[in-house]
């Protein structure tokens, strides 16, 4: 039976549940569940992401120039446009969430106010310092230098229809005299400039992000913003559960196929997902999911916020 942080808190209280936790992951889930329970539900915490957030490597892929992930009937292919490489890790996901939320909230492909990343990092409880700023700038540049293809699987199950293909970002903007820079970027110049003041997304991609936005809870992201697996599973569940009209059963084999690019062996993917689900359920208390030995059952659930 999967660990349930909320049940543990109800039975033993927060301190008692933490004392009985069998691992650091369980303690993290207990702490996150306690924070969400105390905060209650607040629509003002709603921010927007998308399934695109899920489609980046977890670790530095090195020389790997192409990364592909299939989520249900959508297939995302990310290609690096420079020697710098693909965006990866939690910082890239936090940046893309931040940019996506601005695109959706303002209905604009050009994201203004990107220079306030410092304030956003503080708001998201991400340590702010020279190293963090350089890492965030590097991931922003990698995103800006990436080419994306989104395809939809046709009802026949055999063919794919292209939805979008092109650079994710048309330009990164800096204060004069640098102005707007367009991909492919001069890496040395970008490293000198740091985090962009503005980002102009490809209009086709920004339209897709607005149309396929996923409502997320800012406080939930706050709790898991350094855990790529939790961020991805949370975003995926937030995208699919509110759209269900009846329970959906996914075999572990099918589910692991979505995350097969993380590990070569599917059994390791399954083990990692089983570790991750309790933390995600802690920050998405309305998610109704059942973890079985052979399958996962997803039930219709409200959006996180």
C-alpha atoms as a PDB file:
ATOM      1  CA  UNK A   1       0.000   0.000   0.000  1.00  0.00           C
ATOM      2  CA  UNK A   2       1.352   3.422  -1.000  1.00  0.00           C
ATOM      3  CA  UNK A   3       2.302   5.851   1.747  1.00  0.00           C
ATOM      4  CA  UNK A   4      -0.310   8.576   2.335  1.00  0.00           C
ATOM      5  CA  UNK A   5       1.058  11.619   4.140  1.00  0.00           C
ATOM      6  CA  UNK A   6      -2.389  13.040   4.908  1.00  0.00           C
ATOM      7  CA  UNK A   7      -3.560   9.807   6.516  1.00  0.00           C
ATOM      8  CA  UNK A   8      -0.371   9.661   8.572  1.00  0.00           C
ATOM      9  CA  UNK A   9      -0.946  13.225   9.802  1.00  0.00           C
ATOM     10  CA  UNK A  10      -4.587  12.506  10.669  1.00  0.00           C
ATOM     11  CA  UNK A  11      -3.553   9.456  12.665  1.00  0.00           C
ATOM     12  CA  UNK A  12      -0.407  10.665  14.417  1.00  0.00           C
ATOM     13  CA  UNK A  13      -0.220  14.433  13.939  1.00  0.00           C
ATOM     14  CA  UNK A  14       2.593  16.127  12.015  1.00  0.00           C
ATOM     15  CA  UNK A  15       5.314  15.482  14.602  1.00  0.00           C
ATOM     16  CA  UNK A  16       4.251  11.883  15.133  1.00  0.00           C
ATOM     17  CA  UNK A  17       4.026  11.206  11.409  1.00  0.00           C
ATOM     18  CA  UNK A  18       7.494  12.654  10.828  1.00  0.00           C
ATOM     19  CA  UNK A  19       8.884  10.518  13.640  1.00  0.00           C
ATOM     20  CA  UNK A  20       7.430   7.382  12.036  1.00  0.00           C
ATOM     21  CA  UNK A  21       8.486   8.275   8.480  1.00  0.00           C
ATOM     22  CA  UNK A  22      10.549   5.541   6.855  1.00  0.00           C
ATOM     23  CA  UNK A  23      12.506   7.833   4.539  1.00  0.00           C
ATOM     24  CA  UNK A  24      13.378  11.424   3.718  1.00  0.00           C
ATOM     25  CA  UNK A  25      10.832  11.293   0.892  1.00  0.00           C
ATOM     26  CA  UNK A  26       8.063  10.408   3.338  1.00  0.00           C
ATOM     27  CA  UNK A  27       9.129  13.240   5.648  1.00  0.00           C
ATOM     28  CA  UNK A  28       9.086  15.645   2.684  1.00  0.00           C
ATOM     29  CA  UNK A  29       5.596  14.447   1.787  1.00  0.00           C
ATOM     30  CA  UNK A  30       4.408  14.947   5.381  1.00  0.00           C
ATOM     31  CA  UNK A  31       5.841  18.472   5.530  1.00  0.00           C
ATOM     32  CA  UNK A  32       4.291  19.370   2.164  1.00  0.00           C
ATOM     33  CA  UNK A  33       0.900  17.928   3.101  1.00  0.00           C
ATOM     34  CA  UNK A  34       0.921  19.885   6.360  1.00  0.00           C
ATOM     35  CA  UNK A  35       1.660  23.150   4.546  1.00  0.00           C
ATOM     36  CA  UNK A  36      -1.103  22.608   1.968  1.00  0.00           C
ATOM     37  CA  UNK A  37      -3.616  21.569   4.649  1.00  0.00           C
ATOM     38  CA  UNK A  38      -2.918  24.637   6.743  1.00  0.00           C
ATOM     39  CA  UNK A  39      -3.139  26.972   3.736  1.00  0.00           C
ATOM     40  CA  UNK A  40      -6.429  25.583   2.447  1.00  0.00           C
ATOM     41  CA  UNK A  41      -7.631  26.410  -1.066  1.00  0.00           C
ATOM     42  CA  UNK A  42      -7.065  29.842  -2.572  1.00  0.00           C
ATOM     43  CA  UNK A  43      -7.736  30.664  -6.264  1.00  0.00           C
ATOM     44  CA  UNK A  44      -5.181  33.468  -5.985  1.00  0.00           C
ATOM     45  CA  UNK A  45      -2.469  30.791  -5.869  1.00  0.00           C
ATOM     46  CA  UNK A  46      -3.298  29.667  -9.416  1.00  0.00           C
ATOM     47  CA  UNK A  47      -0.443  29.808 -11.897  1.00  0.00           C
ATOM     48  CA  UNK A  48      -0.172  28.172 -15.304  1.00  0.00           C
ATOM     49  CA  UNK A  49       2.194  25.643 -16.773  1.00  0.00           C
ATOM     50  CA  UNK A  50       1.871  23.106 -19.570  1.00  0.00           C
ATOM     51  CA  UNK A  51       2.886  19.583 -20.510  1.00  0.00           C
ATOM     52  CA  UNK A  52       5.865  21.152 -22.259  1.00  0.00           C
ATOM     53  CA  UNK A  53       7.389  21.497 -18.772  1.00  0.00           C
ATOM     54  CA  UNK A  54       7.576  17.697 -18.601  1.00  0.00           C
ATOM     55  CA  UNK A  55       9.582  17.353 -21.798  1.00  0.00           C
ATOM     56  CA  UNK A  56      13.135  18.126 -20.731  1.00  0.00           C
ATOM     57  CA  UNK A  57      15.898  15.852 -19.443  1.00  0.00           C
ATOM     58  CA  UNK A  58      16.318  15.486 -15.688  1.00  0.00           C
ATOM     59  CA  UNK A  59      20.096  15.688 -15.744  1.00  0.00           C
ATOM     60  CA  UNK A  60      22.637  17.346 -18.011  1.00  0.00           C
ATOM     61  CA  UNK A  61      22.376  15.286 -21.218  1.00  0.00           C
ATOM     62  CA  UNK A  62      25.867  16.294 -22.305  1.00  0.00           C
ATOM     63  CA  UNK A  63      26.329  15.900 -26.036  1.00  0.00           C
ATOM     64  CA  UNK A  64      22.789  14.568 -26.539  1.00  0.00           C
ATOM     65  CA  UNK A  65      21.223  16.904 -29.108  1.00  0.00           C
ATOM     66  CA  UNK A  66      17.693  15.459 -29.274  1.00  0.00           C
ATOM     67  CA  UNK A  67      15.296  14.565 -26.451  1.00  0.00           C
ATOM     68  CA  UNK A  68      11.878  13.028 -27.065  1.00  0.00           C
ATOM     69  CA  UNK A  69       8.989  12.282 -24.742  1.00  0.00           C
ATOM     70  CA  UNK A  70       5.501  10.987 -25.454  1.00  0.00           C
ATOM     71  CA  UNK A  71       2.694  11.921 -23.084  1.00  0.00           C
ATOM     72  CA  UNK A  72      -0.524  10.195 -24.080  1.00  0.00           C
ATOM     73  CA  UNK A  73      -1.323  11.263 -27.641  1.00  0.00           C
ATOM     74  CA  UNK A  74       1.240  14.065 -27.662  1.00  0.00           C
ATOM     75  CA  UNK A  75       4.875  13.697 -28.653  1.00  0.00           C
ATOM     76  CA  UNK A  76       7.432  16.394 -27.886  1.00  0.00           C
ATOM     77  CA  UNK A  77      10.834  16.473 -29.570  1.00  0.00           C
ATOM     78  CA  UNK A  78      13.380  18.964 -28.265  1.00  0.00           C
ATOM     79  CA  UNK A  79      16.508  19.742 -30.286  1.00  0.00           C
ATOM     80  CA  UNK A  80      19.486  21.756 -29.168  1.00  0.00           C
ATOM     81  CA  UNK A  81      20.388  24.661 -31.420  1.00  0.00           C
ATOM     82  CA  UNK A  82      23.910  25.123 -30.086  1.00  0.00           C
ATOM     83  CA  UNK A  83      26.842  23.361 -28.479  1.00  0.00           C
ATOM     84  CA  UNK A  84      25.594  24.521 -25.081  1.00  0.00           C
ATOM     85  CA  UNK A  85      23.077  21.675 -25.096  1.00  0.00           C
ATOM     86  CA  UNK A  86      19.499  21.006 -24.091  1.00  0.00           C
ATOM     87  CA  UNK A  87      17.766  22.608 -21.108  1.00  0.00           C
ATOM     88  CA  UNK A  88      17.498  20.234 -18.158  1.00  0.00           C
ATOM     89  CA  UNK A  89      16.685  19.858 -14.501  1.00  0.00           C
ATOM     90  CA  UNK A  90      14.500  21.671 -12.015  1.00  0.00           C
ATOM     91  CA  UNK A  91      15.758  25.158 -12.840  1.00  0.00           C
ATOM     92  CA  UNK A  92      14.743  24.833 -16.491  1.00  0.00           C
ATOM     93  CA  UNK A  93      11.291  23.672 -15.375  1.00  0.00           C
ATOM     94  CA  UNK A  94      10.939  26.598 -12.975  1.00  0.00           C
ATOM     95  CA  UNK A  95      11.893  29.080 -15.700  1.00  0.00           C
ATOM     96  CA  UNK A  96       9.481  27.569 -18.214  1.00  0.00           C
ATOM     97  CA  UNK A  97       6.682  27.602 -15.628  1.00  0.00           C
ATOM     98  CA  UNK A  98       7.421  31.260 -14.910  1.00  0.00           C
ATOM     99  CA  UNK A  99       7.445  32.195 -18.600  1.00  0.00           C
ATOM    100  CA  UNK A 100       4.354  30.118 -19.415  1.00  0.00           C
ATOM    101  CA  UNK A 101       2.400  31.766 -16.610  1.00  0.00           C
ATOM    102  CA  UNK A 102       3.309  35.212 -17.939  1.00  0.00           C
ATOM    103  CA  UNK A 103       2.323  34.224 -21.500  1.00  0.00           C
ATOM    104  CA  UNK A 104      -1.060  32.898 -20.347  1.00  0.00           C
ATOM    105  CA  UNK A 105      -1.832  35.706 -17.915  1.00  0.00           C
ATOM    106  CA  UNK A 106      -0.948  38.433 -20.427  1.00  0.00           C
ATOM    107  CA  UNK A 107      -2.004  36.636 -23.615  1.00  0.00           C
ATOM    108  CA  UNK A 108       1.210  37.753 -25.244  1.00  0.00           C
ATOM    109  CA  UNK A 109       4.076  35.957 -26.969  1.00  0.00           C
ATOM    110  CA  UNK A 110       6.474  38.587 -25.638  1.00  0.00           C
ATOM    111  CA  UNK A 111       7.146  38.095 -21.965  1.00  0.00           C
ATOM    112  CA  UNK A 112       7.870  41.367 -20.233  1.00  0.00           C
ATOM    113  CA  UNK A 113       9.099  41.669 -16.710  1.00  0.00           C
ATOM    114  CA  UNK A 114      11.498  38.749 -17.069  1.00  0.00           C
ATOM    115  CA  UNK A 115      14.026  40.867 -15.236  1.00  0.00           C
ATOM    116  CA  UNK A 116      12.010  40.289 -12.064  1.00  0.00           C
ATOM    117  CA  UNK A 117      13.282  36.697 -11.969  1.00  0.00           C
ATOM    118  CA  UNK A 118      15.187  37.606  -8.794  1.00  0.00           C
ATOM    119  CA  UNK A 119      11.931  38.434  -6.997  1.00  0.00           C
ATOM    120  CA  UNK A 120      10.286  35.316  -8.408  1.00  0.00           C
ATOM    121  CA  UNK A 121      13.128  33.125  -7.157  1.00  0.00           C
ATOM    122  CA  UNK A 122      12.668  34.551  -3.681  1.00  0.00           C
ATOM    123  CA  UNK A 123       8.919  34.013  -3.909  1.00  0.00           C
ATOM    124  CA  UNK A 124       9.463  30.371  -4.909  1.00  0.00           C
ATOM    125  CA  UNK A 125      11.917  29.795  -2.039  1.00  0.00           C
ATOM    126  CA  UNK A 126      14.816  29.164  -4.419  1.00  0.00           C
ATOM    127  CA  UNK A 127      18.145  30.245  -2.958  1.00  0.00           C
ATOM    128  CA  UNK A 128      19.284  33.448  -4.667  1.00  0.00           C
ATOM    129  CA  UNK A 129      22.991  33.912  -5.204  1.00  0.00           C
ATOM    130  CA  UNK A 130      25.664  34.212  -7.836  1.00  0.00           C
ATOM    131  CA  UNK A 131      25.744  30.492  -8.632  1.00  0.00           C
ATOM    132  CA  UNK A 132      21.954  30.197  -8.795  1.00  0.00           C
ATOM    133  CA  UNK A 133      21.716  33.245 -11.053  1.00  0.00           C
ATOM    134  CA  UNK A 134      24.359  31.851 -13.428  1.00  0.00           C
ATOM    135  CA  UNK A 135      22.596  28.478 -13.534  1.00  0.00           C
ATOM    136  CA  UNK A 136      19.219  30.080 -14.174  1.00  0.00           C
ATOM    137  CA  UNK A 137      20.705  32.266 -16.904  1.00  0.00           C
ATOM    138  CA  UNK A 138      22.326  29.238 -18.515  1.00  0.00           C
ATOM    139  CA  UNK A 139      19.049  27.293 -18.532  1.00  0.00           C
ATOM    140  CA  UNK A 140      17.194  30.321 -19.951  1.00  0.00           C
ATOM    141  CA  UNK A 141      19.734  30.469 -22.779  1.00  0.00           C
ATOM    142  CA  UNK A 142      19.369  26.741 -23.421  1.00  0.00           C
ATOM    143  CA  UNK A 143      15.583  27.111 -23.648  1.00  0.00           C
ATOM    144  CA  UNK A 144      16.007  30.050 -25.995  1.00  0.00           C
ATOM    145  CA  UNK A 145      18.332  28.031 -28.211  1.00  0.00           C
ATOM    146  CA  UNK A 146      16.047  24.983 -28.456  1.00  0.00           C
ATOM    147  CA  UNK A 147      13.926  23.854 -31.381  1.00  0.00           C
ATOM    148  CA  UNK A 148      10.674  22.112 -30.576  1.00  0.00           C
ATOM    149  CA  UNK A 149       8.337  19.792 -32.441  1.00  0.00           C
ATOM    150  CA  UNK A 150       4.904  18.898 -31.065  1.00  0.00           C
ATOM    151  CA  UNK A 151       2.932  16.155 -32.780  1.00  0.00           C
ATOM    152  CA  UNK A 152      -0.495  14.641 -32.114  1.00  0.00           C
ATOM    153  CA  UNK A 153      -1.247  10.957 -32.660  1.00  0.00           C
ATOM    154  CA  UNK A 154      -4.100  10.456 -35.079  1.00  0.00           C
ATOM    155  CA  UNK A 155      -7.079   8.259 -34.054  1.00  0.00           C
ATOM    156  CA  UNK A 156      -5.713   5.412 -36.212  1.00  0.00           C
ATOM    157  CA  UNK A 157      -2.820   5.168 -33.722  1.00  0.00           C
ATOM    158  CA  UNK A 158      -0.239   4.837 -36.476  1.00  0.00           C
ATOM    159  CA  UNK A 159       0.234   8.360 -37.827  1.00  0.00           C
ATOM    160  CA  UNK A 160       1.274  11.624 -36.233  1.00  0.00           C
ATOM    161  CA  UNK A 161       0.086  15.099 -37.167  1.00  0.00           C
ATOM    162  CA  UNK A 162       2.418  18.008 -36.574  1.00  0.00           C
ATOM    163  CA  UNK A 163       1.055  20.776 -34.347  1.00  0.00           C
ATOM    164  CA  UNK A 164       4.122  22.971 -33.990  1.00  0.00           C
ATOM    165  CA  UNK A 165       7.670  22.997 -35.293  1.00  0.00           C
ATOM    166  CA  UNK A 166      10.187  25.777 -34.803  1.00  0.00           C
ATOM    167  CA  UNK A 167      12.389  27.616 -32.315  1.00  0.00           C
ATOM    168  CA  UNK A 168      10.826  27.989 -28.884  1.00  0.00           C
ATOM    169  CA  UNK A 169      12.013  31.576 -28.586  1.00  0.00           C
ATOM    170  CA  UNK A 170      12.305  34.102 -31.406  1.00  0.00           C
ATOM    171  CA  UNK A 171      14.459  36.528 -29.440  1.00  0.00           C
ATOM    172  CA  UNK A 172      15.945  37.260 -26.036  1.00  0.00           C
ATOM    173  CA  UNK A 173      15.982  40.965 -25.185  1.00  0.00           C
ATOM    174  CA  UNK A 174      18.528  42.916 -23.168  1.00  0.00           C
ATOM    175  CA  UNK A 175      18.961  46.549 -22.281  1.00  0.00           C
ATOM    176  CA  UNK A 176      20.697  48.644 -24.873  1.00  0.00           C
ATOM    177  CA  UNK A 177      23.185  48.568 -26.473  1.00  0.00           C
ATOM    178  CA  UNK A 178      22.658  44.804 -26.850  1.00  0.00           C
ATOM    179  CA  UNK A 179      18.978  44.927 -27.778  1.00  0.00           C
ATOM    180  CA  UNK A 180      17.319  41.797 -29.181  1.00  0.00           C
ATOM    181  CA  UNK A 181      19.352  38.672 -29.834  1.00  0.00           C
ATOM    182  CA  UNK A 182      18.056  35.921 -32.105  1.00  0.00           C
ATOM    183  CA  UNK A 183      18.942  32.209 -32.198  1.00  0.00           C
ATOM    184  CA  UNK A 184      21.417  30.719 -32.758  1.00  0.00           C
ATOM    185  CA  UNK A 185      22.990  32.757 -30.000  1.00  0.00           C
ATOM    186  CA  UNK A 186      26.539  33.843 -29.363  1.00  0.00           C
ATOM    187  CA  UNK A 187      27.218  31.865 -26.198  1.00  0.00           C
ATOM    188  CA  UNK A 188      30.032  34.059 -24.887  1.00  0.00           C
ATOM    189  CA  UNK A 189      27.864  37.144 -25.336  1.00  0.00           C
ATOM    190  CA  UNK A 190      24.918  35.580 -23.544  1.00  0.00           C
ATOM    191  CA  UNK A 191      27.082  34.462 -20.642  1.00  0.00           C
ATOM    192  CA  UNK A 192      28.204  38.059 -20.236  1.00  0.00           C
ATOM    193  CA  UNK A 193      24.662  39.428 -20.381  1.00  0.00           C
ATOM    194  CA  UNK A 194      23.067  37.034 -17.897  1.00  0.00           C
ATOM    195  CA  UNK A 195      19.297  36.588 -17.545  1.00  0.00           C
ATOM    196  CA  UNK A 196      17.252  38.316 -20.298  1.00  0.00           C
ATOM    197  CA  UNK A 197      15.020  41.302 -19.598  1.00  0.00           C
ATOM    198  CA  UNK A 198      12.392  40.037 -22.043  1.00  0.00           C
ATOM    199  CA  UNK A 199      11.728  36.915 -24.085  1.00  0.00           C
ATOM    200  CA  UNK A 200       9.765  36.797 -27.338  1.00  0.00           C
ATOM    201  CA  UNK A 201       8.325  33.330 -27.836  1.00  0.00           C
ATOM    202  CA  UNK A 202       7.401  31.894 -31.189  1.00  0.00           C
ATOM    203  CA  UNK A 203       3.773  33.044 -31.679  1.00  0.00           C
ATOM    204  CA  UNK A 204       2.710  29.537 -32.711  1.00  0.00           C
ATOM    205  CA  UNK A 205       4.115  28.110 -29.490  1.00  0.00           C
ATOM    206  CA  UNK A 206       2.643  30.841 -27.289  1.00  0.00           C
ATOM    207  CA  UNK A 207      -0.782  30.182 -28.843  1.00  0.00           C
ATOM    208  CA  UNK A 208      -0.386  26.473 -28.056  1.00  0.00           C
ATOM    209  CA  UNK A 209       0.656  27.245 -24.468  1.00  0.00           C
ATOM    210  CA  UNK A 210      -2.387  29.476 -23.941  1.00  0.00           C
ATOM    211  CA  UNK A 211      -4.767  26.939 -25.462  1.00  0.00           C
ATOM    212  CA  UNK A 212      -3.269  23.999 -23.548  1.00  0.00           C
ATOM    213  CA  UNK A 213      -2.513  25.738 -20.259  1.00  0.00           C
ATOM    214  CA  UNK A 214      -2.561  23.664 -17.092  1.00  0.00           C
ATOM    215  CA  UNK A 215      -3.702  25.241 -13.836  1.00  0.00           C
ATOM    216  CA  UNK A 216      -1.180  24.662 -11.036  1.00  0.00           C
ATOM    217  CA  UNK A 217      -1.021  25.622  -7.393  1.00  0.00           C
ATOM    218  CA  UNK A 218       1.828  28.020  -6.679  1.00  0.00           C
ATOM    219  CA  UNK A 219       2.182  26.673  -3.148  1.00  0.00           C
ATOM    220  CA  UNK A 220       2.469  23.112  -4.458  1.00  0.00           C
ATOM    221  CA  UNK A 221       5.256  24.116  -6.853  1.00  0.00           C
ATOM    222  CA  UNK A 222       6.868  25.935  -3.930  1.00  0.00           C
ATOM    223  CA  UNK A 223       7.100  22.601  -2.074  1.00  0.00           C
ATOM    224  CA  UNK A 224       8.544  20.534  -4.944  1.00  0.00           C
ATOM    225  CA  UNK A 225      10.501  23.038  -7.039  1.00  0.00           C
ATOM    226  CA  UNK A 226      13.786  21.155  -6.615  1.00  0.00           C
ATOM    227  CA  UNK A 227      12.348  17.730  -7.537  1.00  0.00           C
ATOM    228  CA  UNK A 228      12.052  17.181 -11.306  1.00  0.00           C
ATOM    229  CA  UNK A 229      10.112  13.940 -10.989  1.00  0.00           C
ATOM    230  CA  UNK A 230       7.563  15.437  -8.617  1.00  0.00           C
ATOM    231  CA  UNK A 231       7.159  18.549 -10.782  1.00  0.00           C
ATOM    232  CA  UNK A 232       6.575  16.416 -13.872  1.00  0.00           C
ATOM    233  CA  UNK A 233       4.110  13.980 -12.305  1.00  0.00           C
ATOM    234  CA  UNK A 234       2.261  16.857 -10.629  1.00  0.00           C
ATOM    235  CA  UNK A 235       1.943  18.767 -13.924  1.00  0.00           C
ATOM    236  CA  UNK A 236       0.889  15.614 -15.778  1.00  0.00           C
ATOM    237  CA  UNK A 237      -1.825  14.776 -13.232  1.00  0.00           C
ATOM    238  CA  UNK A 238      -3.016  18.400 -13.155  1.00  0.00           C
ATOM    239  CA  UNK A 239      -3.382  18.231 -16.943  1.00  0.00           C
ATOM    240  CA  UNK A 240      -5.235  14.917 -17.180  1.00  0.00           C
ATOM    241  CA  UNK A 241      -7.308  14.357 -14.023  1.00  0.00           C
ATOM    242  CA  UNK A 242      -9.681  17.333 -14.447  1.00  0.00           C
ATOM    243  CA  UNK A 243     -10.473  16.205 -18.021  1.00  0.00           C
ATOM    244  CA  UNK A 244     -11.519  12.664 -17.123  1.00  0.00           C
ATOM    245  CA  UNK A 245     -15.184  11.688 -17.140  1.00  0.00           C
ATOM    246  CA  UNK A 246     -14.602   8.130 -15.946  1.00  0.00           C
ATOM    247  CA  UNK A 247     -11.751   6.229 -14.265  1.00  0.00           C
ATOM    248  CA  UNK A 248      -8.817   5.483 -16.535  1.00  0.00           C
ATOM    249  CA  UNK A 249      -6.542   2.497 -15.974  1.00  0.00           C
ATOM    250  CA  UNK A 250      -2.918   2.728 -17.084  1.00  0.00           C
ATOM    251  CA  UNK A 251      -0.648  -0.277 -16.880  1.00  0.00           C
ATOM    252  CA  UNK A 252       2.704   0.336 -15.275  1.00  0.00           C
ATOM    253  CA  UNK A 253       4.295  -0.637 -18.575  1.00  0.00           C
ATOM    254  CA  UNK A 254       2.392   2.056 -20.450  1.00  0.00           C
ATOM    255  CA  UNK A 255       3.003   4.606 -17.722  1.00  0.00           C
ATOM    256  CA  UNK A 256       6.711   3.883 -17.555  1.00  0.00           C
ATOM    257  CA  UNK A 257       6.946   4.367 -21.317  1.00  0.00           C
ATOM    258  CA  UNK A 258       6.244   8.077 -20.772  1.00  0.00           C
ATOM    259  CA  UNK A 259       9.296   8.336 -18.536  1.00  0.00           C
ATOM    260  CA  UNK A 260      11.457   5.723 -20.279  1.00  0.00           C
ATOM    261  CA  UNK A 261      14.017   8.323 -21.325  1.00  0.00           C
ATOM    262  CA  UNK A 262      15.036   8.807 -17.699  1.00  0.00           C
ATOM    263  CA  UNK A 263      16.377   5.286 -17.144  1.00  0.00           C
ATOM    264  CA  UNK A 264      17.285   2.487 -19.488  1.00  0.00           C
ATOM    265  CA  UNK A 265      15.477  -0.086 -17.329  1.00  0.00           C
ATOM    266  CA  UNK A 266      11.702   0.219 -16.905  1.00  0.00           C
ATOM    267  CA  UNK A 267      11.818  -1.327 -13.444  1.00  0.00           C
ATOM    268  CA  UNK A 268      13.864   1.663 -12.276  1.00  0.00           C
ATOM    269  CA  UNK A 269      11.297   4.027 -13.800  1.00  0.00           C
ATOM    270  CA  UNK A 270       8.496   2.206 -11.960  1.00  0.00           C
ATOM    271  CA  UNK A 271      10.389   2.351  -8.676  1.00  0.00           C
ATOM    272  CA  UNK A 272      11.036   6.079  -9.098  1.00  0.00           C
ATOM    273  CA  UNK A 273       7.406   6.791  -9.936  1.00  0.00           C
ATOM    274  CA  UNK A 274       6.225   4.802  -6.899  1.00  0.00           C
ATOM    275  CA  UNK A 275       8.543   6.921  -4.749  1.00  0.00           C
ATOM    276  CA  UNK A 276       7.249  10.123  -6.338  1.00  0.00           C
ATOM    277  CA  UNK A 277       3.470   9.611  -6.224  1.00  0.00           C
ATOM    278  CA  UNK A 278       3.111  10.067  -2.416  1.00  0.00           C
ATOM    279  CA  UNK A 279       4.848  13.457  -2.563  1.00  0.00           C
ATOM    280  CA  UNK A 280       2.678  14.551  -5.491  1.00  0.00           C
ATOM    281  CA  UNK A 281      -0.490  13.426  -3.693  1.00  0.00           C
ATOM    282  CA  UNK A 282       0.649  15.454  -0.695  1.00  0.00           C
ATOM    283  CA  UNK A 283       0.736  18.676  -2.745  1.00  0.00           C
ATOM    284  CA  UNK A 284      -2.303  17.766  -4.874  1.00  0.00           C
ATOM    285  CA  UNK A 285      -4.740  16.595  -2.181  1.00  0.00           C
ATOM    286  CA  UNK A 286      -7.684  16.504  -4.589  1.00  0.00           C
ATOM    287  CA  UNK A 287      -5.973  14.012  -6.904  1.00  0.00           C
ATOM    288  CA  UNK A 288      -7.729  10.645  -6.799  1.00  0.00           C
ATOM    289  CA  UNK A 289      -5.332   7.933  -7.911  1.00  0.00           C
ATOM    290  CA  UNK A 290      -4.859   4.291  -6.963  1.00  0.00           C
ATOM    291  CA  UNK A 291      -1.498   2.570  -7.200  1.00  0.00           C
ATOM    292  CA  UNK A 292      -1.837  -1.147  -7.858  1.00  0.00           C
ATOM    293  CA  UNK A 293       0.705  -3.868  -8.501  1.00  0.00           C
ATOM    294  CA  UNK A 294      -0.001  -3.997 -12.221  1.00  0.00           C
ATOM    295  CA  UNK A 295      -1.645  -0.649 -12.974  1.00  0.00           C
ATOM    296  CA  UNK A 296      -2.454   2.872 -11.848  1.00  0.00           C
ATOM    297  CA  UNK A 297      -6.094   3.975 -11.821  1.00  0.00           C
ATOM    298  CA  UNK A 298      -6.767   7.666 -12.417  1.00  0.00           C
ATOM    299  CA  UNK A 299     -10.125   9.018 -11.254  1.00  0.00           C
ATOM    300  CA  UNK A 300     -11.842  12.262 -12.301  1.00  0.00           C
ATOM    301  CA  UNK A 301     -10.519  14.949  -9.952  1.00  0.00           C
ATOM    302  CA  UNK A 302     -10.764  18.717  -9.586  1.00  0.00           C
ATOM    303  CA  UNK A 303      -7.944  20.951 -10.739  1.00  0.00           C
ATOM    304  CA  UNK A 304      -5.313  21.650  -8.075  1.00  0.00           C
ATOM    305  CA  UNK A 305      -6.665  25.159  -7.507  1.00  0.00           C
END
